[in-house]
């Protein structure tokens, strides 16, 4: 069970990197891209 969870979480890291890269291209600022990513992640966990 923990092995599958680890594999799943590990597979999300490249997706997050791709999302951050695309977001940086859209907003033209790495700081705003980080802010949006953090805000979306925070809302997801609430």
PDB file of N, CA and C in Angstrom:
ATOM      1  N   UNK A   1       0.824  -1.194   0.000  1.00  0.00           N
ATOM      2  CA  UNK A   1       0.000   0.000   0.000  1.00  0.00           C
ATOM      3  C   UNK A   1       0.869   1.259   0.000  1.00  0.00           C
ATOM      4  N   UNK A   2       1.854   1.294   0.899  1.00  0.00           N
ATOM      5  CA  UNK A   2       2.725   2.466   0.967  1.00  0.00           C
ATOM      6  C   UNK A   2       3.586   2.597  -0.279  1.00  0.00           C
ATOM      7  N   UNK A   3       3.933   1.478  -0.874  1.00  0.00           N
ATOM      8  CA  UNK A   3       4.709   1.511  -2.109  1.00  0.00           C
ATOM      9  C   UNK A   3       3.902   2.172  -3.218  1.00  0.00           C
ATOM     10  N   UNK A   4       2.639   1.811  -3.341  1.00  0.00           N
ATOM     11  CA  UNK A   4       1.783   2.422  -4.362  1.00  0.00           C
ATOM     12  C   UNK A   4       1.580   3.911  -4.100  1.00  0.00           C
ATOM     13  N   UNK A   5       1.421   4.268  -2.845  1.00  0.00           N
ATOM     14  CA  UNK A   5       1.276   5.678  -2.496  1.00  0.00           C
ATOM     15  C   UNK A   5       2.539   6.451  -2.852  1.00  0.00           C
ATOM     16  N   UNK A   6       3.693   5.885  -2.559  1.00  0.00           N
ATOM     17  CA  UNK A   6       4.958   6.527  -2.902  1.00  0.00           C
ATOM     18  C   UNK A   6       5.135   6.687  -4.400  1.00  0.00           C
ATOM     19  N   UNK A   7       4.757   5.674  -5.154  1.00  0.00           N
ATOM     20  CA  UNK A   7       4.841   5.766  -6.614  1.00  0.00           C
ATOM     21  C   UNK A   7       3.894   6.831  -7.157  1.00  0.00           C
ATOM     22  N   UNK A   8       2.706   6.900  -6.592  1.00  0.00           N
ATOM     23  CA  UNK A   8       1.736   7.900  -7.032  1.00  0.00           C
ATOM     24  C   UNK A   8       2.234   9.313  -6.750  1.00  0.00           C
ATOM     25  N   UNK A   9       2.687   9.551  -5.534  1.00  0.00           N
ATOM     26  CA  UNK A   9       3.178  10.877  -5.164  1.00  0.00           C
ATOM     27  C   UNK A   9       4.414  11.235  -5.986  1.00  0.00           C
ATOM     28  N   UNK A  10       5.285  10.273  -6.213  1.00  0.00           N
ATOM     29  CA  UNK A  10       6.467  10.517  -7.024  1.00  0.00           C
ATOM     30  C   UNK A  10       6.129  10.856  -8.461  1.00  0.00           C
ATOM     31  N   UNK A  11       5.038  10.312  -8.964  1.00  0.00           N
ATOM     32  CA  UNK A  11       4.642  10.615 -10.340  1.00  0.00           C
ATOM     33  C   UNK A  11       4.041  12.007 -10.463  1.00  0.00           C
ATOM     34  N   UNK A  12       3.636  12.610  -9.356  1.00  0.00           N
ATOM     35  CA  UNK A  12       3.060  13.949  -9.402  1.00  0.00           C
ATOM     36  C   UNK A  12       4.121  15.043  -9.524  1.00  0.00           C
ATOM     37  N   UNK A  13       5.343  14.764  -9.135  1.00  0.00           N
ATOM     38  CA  UNK A  13       6.389  15.787  -9.188  1.00  0.00           C
ATOM     39  C   UNK A  13       6.649  16.309 -10.598  1.00  0.00           C
ATOM     40  N   UNK A  14       6.786  15.461 -11.616  1.00  0.00           N
ATOM     41  CA  UNK A  14       6.973  16.006 -12.970  1.00  0.00           C
ATOM     42  C   UNK A  14       5.760  16.792 -13.459  1.00  0.00           C
ATOM     43  N   UNK A  15       4.580  16.400 -13.020  1.00  0.00           N
ATOM     44  CA  UNK A  15       3.373  17.138 -13.412  1.00  0.00           C
ATOM     45  C   UNK A  15       3.403  18.532 -12.805  1.00  0.00           C
ATOM     46  N   UNK A  16       3.819  18.639 -11.551  1.00  0.00           N
ATOM     47  CA  UNK A  16       3.919  19.943 -10.890  1.00  0.00           C
ATOM     48  C   UNK A  16       4.963  20.818 -11.571  1.00  0.00           C
ATOM     49  N   UNK A  17       6.079  20.239 -11.961  1.00  0.00           N
ATOM     50  CA  UNK A  17       7.124  20.991 -12.657  1.00  0.00           C
ATOM     51  C   UNK A  17       6.613  21.519 -13.987  1.00  0.00           C
ATOM     52  N   UNK A  18       5.911  20.686 -14.731  1.00  0.00           N
ATOM     53  CA  UNK A  18       5.353  21.117 -16.018  1.00  0.00           C
ATOM     54  C   UNK A  18       4.312  22.213 -15.818  1.00  0.00           C
ATOM     55  N   UNK A  19       3.489  22.076 -14.793  1.00  0.00           N
ATOM     56  CA  UNK A  19       2.478  23.090 -14.501  1.00  0.00           C
ATOM     57  C   UNK A  19       3.135  24.425 -14.158  1.00  0.00           C
ATOM     58  N   UNK A  20       4.164  24.390 -13.319  1.00  0.00           N
ATOM     59  CA  UNK A  20       4.856  25.623 -12.945  1.00  0.00           C
ATOM     60  C   UNK A  20       5.506  26.282 -14.155  1.00  0.00           C
ATOM     61  N   UNK A  21       6.090  25.487 -15.024  1.00  0.00           N
ATOM     62  CA  UNK A  21       6.731  26.030 -16.218  1.00  0.00           C
ATOM     63  C   UNK A  21       5.710  26.692 -17.138  1.00  0.00           C
ATOM     64  N   UNK A  22       4.595  26.038 -17.346  1.00  0.00           N
ATOM     65  CA  UNK A  22       3.553  26.600 -18.206  1.00  0.00           C
ATOM     66  C   UNK A  22       2.957  27.856 -17.572  1.00  0.00           C
ATOM     67  N   UNK A  23       2.735  27.827 -16.273  1.00  0.00           N
ATOM     68  CA  UNK A  23       2.176  28.987 -15.577  1.00  0.00           C
ATOM     69  C   UNK A  23       3.122  30.182 -15.656  1.00  0.00           C
ATOM     70  N   UNK A  24       4.434  29.933 -15.545  1.00  0.00           N
ATOM     71  CA  UNK A  24       5.408  31.016 -15.646  1.00  0.00           C
ATOM     72  C   UNK A  24       5.341  31.663 -17.020  1.00  0.00           C
ATOM     73  N   UNK A  25       5.126  30.864 -18.058  1.00  0.00           N
ATOM     74  CA  UNK A  25       4.999  31.411 -19.403  1.00  0.00           C
ATOM     75  C   UNK A  25       3.742  32.247 -19.572  1.00  0.00           C
ATOM     76  N   UNK A  26       2.684  31.874 -18.880  1.00  0.00           N
ATOM     77  CA  UNK A  26       1.415  32.601 -19.004  1.00  0.00           C
ATOM     78  C   UNK A  26       1.479  33.935 -18.269  1.00  0.00           C
ATOM     79  N   UNK A  27       1.968  33.941 -17.032  1.00  0.00           N
ATOM     80  CA  UNK A  27       1.956  35.165 -16.221  1.00  0.00           C
ATOM     81  C   UNK A  27       3.230  35.986 -16.362  1.00  0.00           C
ATOM     82  N   UNK A  28       4.243  35.448 -17.042  1.00  0.00           N
ATOM     83  CA  UNK A  28       5.506  36.147 -17.307  1.00  0.00           C
ATOM     84  C   UNK A  28       6.268  36.538 -16.039  1.00  0.00           C
ATOM     85  N   UNK A  29       6.050  35.811 -14.967  1.00  0.00           N
ATOM     86  CA  UNK A  29       6.763  36.092 -13.729  1.00  0.00           C
ATOM     87  C   UNK A  29       6.876  34.805 -12.913  1.00  0.00           C
ATOM     88  N   UNK A  30       8.099  34.411 -12.555  1.00  0.00           N
ATOM     89  CA  UNK A  30       8.223  33.206 -11.736  1.00  0.00           C
ATOM     90  C   UNK A  30       7.622  33.391 -10.338  1.00  0.00           C
ATOM     91  N   UNK A  31       7.617  34.617  -9.841  1.00  0.00           N
ATOM     92  CA  UNK A  31       7.060  34.872  -8.513  1.00  0.00           C
ATOM     93  C   UNK A  31       5.540  34.714  -8.511  1.00  0.00           C
ATOM     94  N   UNK A  32       4.872  35.257  -9.535  1.00  0.00           N
ATOM     95  CA  UNK A  32       3.422  35.096  -9.623  1.00  0.00           C
ATOM     96  C   UNK A  32       3.047  33.642  -9.882  1.00  0.00           C
ATOM     97  N   UNK A  33       3.840  32.952 -10.685  1.00  0.00           N
ATOM     98  CA  UNK A  33       3.578  31.538 -10.945  1.00  0.00           C
ATOM     99  C   UNK A  33       3.666  30.744  -9.643  1.00  0.00           C
ATOM    100  N   UNK A  34       4.654  31.045  -8.818  1.00  0.00           N
ATOM    101  CA  UNK A  34       4.791  30.367  -7.527  1.00  0.00           C
ATOM    102  C   UNK A  34       3.623  30.699  -6.609  1.00  0.00           C
ATOM    103  N   UNK A  35       3.205  31.951  -6.618  1.00  0.00           N
ATOM    104  CA  UNK A  35       2.075  32.366  -5.788  1.00  0.00           C
ATOM    105  C   UNK A  35       0.804  31.628  -6.190  1.00  0.00           C
ATOM    106  N   UNK A  36       0.524  31.561  -7.490  1.00  0.00           N
ATOM    107  CA  UNK A  36      -0.666  30.850  -7.964  1.00  0.00           C
ATOM    108  C   UNK A  36      -0.594  29.370  -7.613  1.00  0.00           C
ATOM    109  N   UNK A  37       0.563  28.773  -7.814  1.00  0.00           N
ATOM    110  CA  UNK A  37       0.728  27.353  -7.515  1.00  0.00           C
ATOM    111  C   UNK A  37       0.499  27.090  -6.025  1.00  0.00           C
ATOM    112  N   UNK A  38       1.067  27.933  -5.183  1.00  0.00           N
ATOM    113  CA  UNK A  38       0.899  27.782  -3.739  1.00  0.00           C
ATOM    114  C   UNK A  38      -0.557  27.981  -3.335  1.00  0.00           C
ATOM    115  N   UNK A  39      -1.217  28.986  -3.918  1.00  0.00           N
ATOM    116  CA  UNK A  39      -2.614  29.267  -3.583  1.00  0.00           C
ATOM    117  C   UNK A  39      -3.523  28.113  -4.001  1.00  0.00           C
ATOM    118  N   UNK A  40      -3.301  27.573  -5.184  1.00  0.00           N
ATOM    119  CA  UNK A  40      -4.119  26.455  -5.653  1.00  0.00           C
ATOM    120  C   UNK A  40      -3.895  25.228  -4.773  1.00  0.00           C
ATOM    121  N   UNK A  41      -2.644  24.971  -4.410  1.00  0.00           N
ATOM    122  CA  UNK A  41      -2.347  23.851  -3.522  1.00  0.00           C
ATOM    123  C   UNK A  41      -2.986  24.015  -2.155  1.00  0.00           C
ATOM    124  N   UNK A  42      -2.966  25.238  -1.640  1.00  0.00           N
ATOM    125  CA  UNK A  42      -3.581  25.510  -0.340  1.00  0.00           C
ATOM    126  C   UNK A  42      -5.088  25.290  -0.397  1.00  0.00           C
ATOM    127  N   UNK A  43      -5.729  25.785  -1.452  1.00  0.00           N
ATOM    128  CA  UNK A  43      -7.172  25.588  -1.600  1.00  0.00           C
ATOM    129  C   UNK A  43      -7.523  24.114  -1.749  1.00  0.00           C
ATOM    130  N   UNK A  44      -6.662  23.368  -2.422  1.00  0.00           N
ATOM    131  CA  UNK A  44      -6.902  21.941  -2.609  1.00  0.00           C
ATOM    132  C   UNK A  44      -6.929  21.208  -1.270  1.00  0.00           C
ATOM    133  N   UNK A  45      -6.066  21.610  -0.343  1.00  0.00           N
ATOM    134  CA  UNK A  45      -5.983  20.922   0.941  1.00  0.00           C
ATOM    135  C   UNK A  45      -6.997  21.412   1.966  1.00  0.00           C
ATOM    136  N   UNK A  46      -7.700  22.484   1.671  1.00  0.00           N
ATOM    137  CA  UNK A  46      -8.728  22.974   2.609  1.00  0.00           C
ATOM    138  C   UNK A  46      -9.979  22.242   2.418  1.00  0.00           C
TER     139      UNK A  46
END
